[in-house]
């Protein structure tokens, strides 16, 4: 069974790059992506320290409106939210 930490570790380079990229590309129209970036960094830190991630994912769900994809965004934005939603689902199984 894949853990959240394993999932995030396997996708760290991509998610790190993507969360930065969407702030640059979409921050003006979607300022919530700056919070998504900060929450992702905290999520990784907490996962590395084997902390309970329930609050992290609750904040991400609130910030992203349950990972809703706006209609005016690029595939990188969409992929970022899908990966974070998958990590959230893995965490919910624990």
N, C-alpha and C. Protein backbone atom coordinates (compact mmCIF):
# COMPACT_ATOMS: atom_id res chain seq x y z
N UNK A 1 0.84 -1.19 0.00
CA UNK A 1 0.00 0.00 0.00
C UNK A 1 0.88 1.25 0.00
N UNK A 2 0.59 2.15 -0.90
CA UNK A 2 1.34 3.40 -1.00
C UNK A 2 0.92 4.34 0.12
N UNK A 3 1.89 4.93 0.78
CA UNK A 3 1.60 5.94 1.80
C UNK A 3 1.62 7.32 1.15
N UNK A 4 1.07 8.30 1.84
CA UNK A 4 1.10 9.67 1.34
C UNK A 4 2.54 10.12 1.16
N UNK A 5 3.38 9.79 2.14
CA UNK A 5 4.79 10.19 2.04
C UNK A 5 5.43 9.59 0.80
N UNK A 6 5.19 8.30 0.53
CA UNK A 6 5.73 7.66 -0.67
C UNK A 6 5.23 8.36 -1.93
N UNK A 7 3.93 8.61 -1.97
CA UNK A 7 3.32 9.25 -3.14
C UNK A 7 3.95 10.62 -3.38
N UNK A 8 4.06 11.42 -2.31
CA UNK A 8 4.64 12.76 -2.44
C UNK A 8 6.12 12.69 -2.79
N UNK A 9 6.84 11.76 -2.19
CA UNK A 9 8.26 11.61 -2.50
C UNK A 9 8.47 11.27 -3.97
N UNK A 10 7.65 10.37 -4.50
CA UNK A 10 7.78 9.95 -5.90
C UNK A 10 7.48 11.10 -6.87
N UNK A 11 6.66 12.03 -6.44
CA UNK A 11 6.24 13.14 -7.30
C UNK A 11 6.80 14.48 -6.86
N UNK A 12 7.76 14.45 -5.94
CA UNK A 12 8.26 15.70 -5.36
C UNK A 12 8.78 16.69 -6.41
N UNK A 13 9.65 16.24 -7.30
CA UNK A 13 10.22 17.17 -8.28
C UNK A 13 9.12 17.78 -9.15
N UNK A 14 8.20 16.97 -9.58
CA UNK A 14 7.12 17.45 -10.44
C UNK A 14 6.21 18.41 -9.68
N UNK A 15 5.76 18.01 -8.49
CA UNK A 15 4.86 18.87 -7.71
C UNK A 15 5.54 20.15 -7.27
N UNK A 16 6.80 20.08 -6.92
CA UNK A 16 7.53 21.28 -6.53
C UNK A 16 7.57 22.25 -7.71
N UNK A 17 7.92 21.75 -8.87
CA UNK A 17 7.98 22.57 -10.07
C UNK A 17 6.59 23.10 -10.44
N UNK A 18 5.60 22.22 -10.42
CA UNK A 18 4.24 22.60 -10.83
C UNK A 18 3.64 23.64 -9.89
N UNK A 19 3.81 23.47 -8.57
CA UNK A 19 3.21 24.45 -7.66
C UNK A 19 3.87 25.81 -7.83
N UNK A 20 5.14 25.85 -8.17
CA UNK A 20 5.80 27.13 -8.47
C UNK A 20 5.28 27.68 -9.80
N UNK A 21 5.17 26.82 -10.79
CA UNK A 21 4.76 27.25 -12.13
C UNK A 21 3.35 27.85 -12.13
N UNK A 22 2.43 27.23 -11.40
CA UNK A 22 1.07 27.76 -11.43
C UNK A 22 0.97 29.10 -10.70
N UNK A 23 1.85 29.36 -9.74
CA UNK A 23 1.82 30.69 -9.12
C UNK A 23 2.24 31.74 -10.14
N UNK A 24 3.23 31.41 -10.96
CA UNK A 24 3.68 32.36 -11.98
C UNK A 24 2.65 32.53 -13.09
N UNK A 25 2.07 31.42 -13.55
CA UNK A 25 1.17 31.46 -14.69
C UNK A 25 -0.25 31.93 -14.32
N UNK A 26 -0.71 31.59 -13.11
CA UNK A 26 -2.11 31.82 -12.78
C UNK A 26 -2.34 32.67 -11.53
N UNK A 27 -1.28 33.08 -10.89
CA UNK A 27 -1.41 33.83 -9.63
C UNK A 27 -2.24 35.10 -9.74
N UNK A 28 -2.16 35.76 -10.87
CA UNK A 28 -2.90 37.01 -11.03
C UNK A 28 -4.41 36.76 -11.04
N UNK A 29 -4.85 35.72 -11.73
CA UNK A 29 -6.28 35.42 -11.82
C UNK A 29 -6.77 34.46 -10.75
N UNK A 30 -5.84 33.70 -10.16
CA UNK A 30 -6.19 32.71 -9.15
C UNK A 30 -5.21 32.83 -7.97
N UNK A 31 -5.38 33.88 -7.14
CA UNK A 31 -4.42 34.11 -6.05
C UNK A 31 -4.35 32.98 -5.03
N UNK A 32 -5.33 32.08 -5.03
CA UNK A 32 -5.31 30.95 -4.10
C UNK A 32 -4.12 30.02 -4.36
N UNK A 33 -3.54 30.08 -5.57
CA UNK A 33 -2.43 29.18 -5.87
C UNK A 33 -1.20 29.49 -5.02
N UNK A 34 -1.09 30.72 -4.53
CA UNK A 34 0.01 31.05 -3.62
C UNK A 34 -0.16 30.29 -2.31
N UNK A 35 -1.40 30.19 -1.83
CA UNK A 35 -1.67 29.40 -0.62
C UNK A 35 -1.47 27.91 -0.89
N UNK A 36 -1.85 27.45 -2.07
CA UNK A 36 -1.64 26.05 -2.44
C UNK A 36 -0.15 25.73 -2.37
N UNK A 37 0.67 26.61 -2.90
CA UNK A 37 2.13 26.40 -2.87
C UNK A 37 2.62 26.30 -1.43
N UNK A 38 2.21 27.24 -0.58
CA UNK A 38 2.65 27.23 0.83
C UNK A 38 2.16 25.98 1.54
N UNK A 39 0.93 25.60 1.27
CA UNK A 39 0.36 24.42 1.91
C UNK A 39 1.05 23.15 1.42
N UNK A 40 1.44 23.12 0.17
CA UNK A 40 2.17 21.96 -0.36
C UNK A 40 3.52 21.82 0.35
N UNK A 41 4.23 22.93 0.51
CA UNK A 41 5.53 22.89 1.19
C UNK A 41 5.37 22.38 2.63
N UNK A 42 4.34 22.88 3.33
CA UNK A 42 4.09 22.43 4.70
C UNK A 42 3.69 20.95 4.72
N UNK A 43 2.89 20.54 3.76
CA UNK A 43 2.49 19.15 3.65
C UNK A 43 3.70 18.23 3.53
N UNK A 44 4.63 18.60 2.67
CA UNK A 44 5.84 17.78 2.49
C UNK A 44 6.67 17.72 3.77
N UNK A 45 6.79 18.85 4.44
CA UNK A 45 7.55 18.89 5.69
C UNK A 45 6.89 18.01 6.75
N UNK A 46 5.59 18.15 6.88
CA UNK A 46 4.87 17.34 7.87
C UNK A 46 4.90 15.85 7.52
N UNK A 47 4.79 15.53 6.24
CA UNK A 47 4.86 14.12 5.82
C UNK A 47 6.23 13.54 6.15
N UNK A 48 7.27 14.33 5.93
CA UNK A 48 8.64 13.87 6.23
C UNK A 48 8.84 13.63 7.71
N UNK A 49 8.12 14.40 8.53
CA UNK A 49 8.20 14.25 9.98
C UNK A 49 7.15 13.30 10.53
N UNK A 50 6.47 12.58 9.63
CA UNK A 50 5.48 11.56 9.99
C UNK A 50 4.36 12.12 10.88
N UNK A 51 3.93 13.34 10.58
CA UNK A 51 2.83 13.95 11.32
C UNK A 51 1.51 13.57 10.68
N UNK A 52 0.43 13.74 11.46
CA UNK A 52 -0.92 13.54 10.94
C UNK A 52 -1.19 14.64 9.91
N UNK A 53 -1.61 14.27 8.73
CA UNK A 53 -1.77 15.22 7.63
C UNK A 53 -3.22 15.64 7.42
N UNK A 54 -4.12 15.24 8.29
CA UNK A 54 -5.54 15.55 8.12
C UNK A 54 -5.81 17.04 8.02
N UNK A 55 -5.18 17.83 8.88
CA UNK A 55 -5.38 19.28 8.84
C UNK A 55 -4.80 19.88 7.57
N UNK A 56 -3.66 19.37 7.12
CA UNK A 56 -3.06 19.86 5.88
C UNK A 56 -4.03 19.70 4.71
N UNK A 57 -4.60 18.51 4.61
CA UNK A 57 -5.51 18.25 3.50
C UNK A 57 -6.83 19.00 3.65
N UNK A 58 -7.28 19.20 4.87
CA UNK A 58 -8.50 20.00 5.08
C UNK A 58 -8.29 21.42 4.57
N UNK A 59 -7.13 21.98 4.85
CA UNK A 59 -6.82 23.34 4.36
C UNK A 59 -6.71 23.36 2.84
N UNK A 60 -6.09 22.34 2.26
CA UNK A 60 -6.00 22.28 0.80
C UNK A 60 -7.39 22.16 0.17
N UNK A 61 -8.24 21.33 0.74
CA UNK A 61 -9.60 21.20 0.20
C UNK A 61 -10.35 22.53 0.27
N UNK A 62 -10.17 23.24 1.38
CA UNK A 62 -10.83 24.54 1.53
C UNK A 62 -10.28 25.55 0.51
N UNK A 63 -8.96 25.62 0.39
CA UNK A 63 -8.32 26.57 -0.51
C UNK A 63 -8.68 26.30 -1.96
N UNK A 64 -8.73 25.02 -2.33
CA UNK A 64 -8.96 24.65 -3.73
C UNK A 64 -10.43 24.39 -4.04
N UNK A 65 -11.29 24.60 -3.07
CA UNK A 65 -12.73 24.29 -3.22
C UNK A 65 -12.89 22.83 -3.66
N UNK A 66 -12.28 21.96 -2.87
CA UNK A 66 -12.30 20.51 -3.13
C UNK A 66 -11.65 20.16 -4.47
N UNK A 67 -10.54 20.83 -4.74
CA UNK A 67 -9.72 20.55 -5.93
C UNK A 67 -10.47 20.84 -7.23
N UNK A 68 -11.36 21.82 -7.19
CA UNK A 68 -12.11 22.21 -8.39
C UNK A 68 -11.16 22.88 -9.38
N UNK A 69 -11.25 22.47 -10.63
CA UNK A 69 -10.39 23.00 -11.69
C UNK A 69 -11.11 24.17 -12.36
N UNK A 70 -10.55 25.39 -12.26
CA UNK A 70 -11.16 26.52 -12.96
C UNK A 70 -11.13 26.29 -14.47
N UNK A 71 -12.02 26.92 -15.17
CA UNK A 71 -12.13 26.72 -16.61
C UNK A 71 -11.06 27.38 -17.44
N UNK A 72 -10.29 28.27 -16.84
CA UNK A 72 -9.32 29.06 -17.61
C UNK A 72 -7.86 28.74 -17.28
N UNK A 73 -7.60 27.49 -16.93
CA UNK A 73 -6.24 27.15 -16.51
C UNK A 73 -5.60 26.13 -17.46
N UNK A 74 -4.29 25.99 -17.31
CA UNK A 74 -3.50 25.11 -18.17
C UNK A 74 -3.48 23.68 -17.62
N UNK A 75 -2.99 22.75 -18.44
CA UNK A 75 -2.91 21.35 -18.00
C UNK A 75 -2.02 21.15 -16.76
N UNK A 76 -1.01 21.99 -16.56
CA UNK A 76 -0.14 21.88 -15.38
C UNK A 76 -0.94 22.17 -14.12
N UNK A 77 -1.78 23.18 -14.17
CA UNK A 77 -2.64 23.52 -13.03
C UNK A 77 -3.54 22.32 -12.72
N UNK A 78 -4.17 21.79 -13.75
CA UNK A 78 -5.06 20.64 -13.59
C UNK A 78 -4.31 19.44 -13.01
N UNK A 79 -3.13 19.15 -13.52
CA UNK A 79 -2.33 18.01 -13.04
C UNK A 79 -1.94 18.20 -11.57
N UNK A 80 -1.62 19.43 -11.20
CA UNK A 80 -1.25 19.73 -9.82
C UNK A 80 -2.39 19.39 -8.87
N UNK A 81 -3.58 19.87 -9.20
CA UNK A 81 -4.74 19.60 -8.35
C UNK A 81 -5.07 18.11 -8.32
N UNK A 82 -4.93 17.43 -9.46
CA UNK A 82 -5.21 15.99 -9.49
C UNK A 82 -4.23 15.23 -8.58
N UNK A 83 -2.95 15.58 -8.64
CA UNK A 83 -1.97 14.89 -7.79
C UNK A 83 -2.23 15.16 -6.31
N UNK A 84 -2.57 16.40 -5.97
CA UNK A 84 -2.86 16.72 -4.57
C UNK A 84 -4.13 16.01 -4.10
N UNK A 85 -5.12 15.93 -4.97
CA UNK A 85 -6.36 15.22 -4.63
C UNK A 85 -6.08 13.72 -4.42
N UNK A 86 -5.22 13.16 -5.23
CA UNK A 86 -4.87 11.74 -5.07
C UNK A 86 -4.15 11.52 -3.75
N UNK A 87 -3.24 12.41 -3.41
CA UNK A 87 -2.55 12.30 -2.11
C UNK A 87 -3.55 12.40 -0.96
N UNK A 88 -4.51 13.29 -1.10
CA UNK A 88 -5.56 13.45 -0.08
C UNK A 88 -6.35 12.14 0.04
N UNK A 89 -6.68 11.52 -1.08
CA UNK A 89 -7.44 10.27 -1.05
C UNK A 89 -6.63 9.16 -0.40
N UNK A 90 -5.35 9.11 -0.66
CA UNK A 90 -4.48 8.11 -0.01
C UNK A 90 -4.49 8.34 1.48
N UNK A 91 -4.39 9.59 1.90
CA UNK A 91 -4.40 9.92 3.33
C UNK A 91 -5.71 9.51 3.99
N UNK A 92 -6.81 9.65 3.27
CA UNK A 92 -8.13 9.32 3.83
C UNK A 92 -8.28 7.82 4.07
N UNK A 93 -7.49 7.00 3.35
CA UNK A 93 -7.57 5.54 3.50
C UNK A 93 -6.85 5.05 4.74
N UNK A 94 -6.04 5.90 5.31
CA UNK A 94 -5.23 5.47 6.47
C UNK A 94 -6.07 5.46 7.73
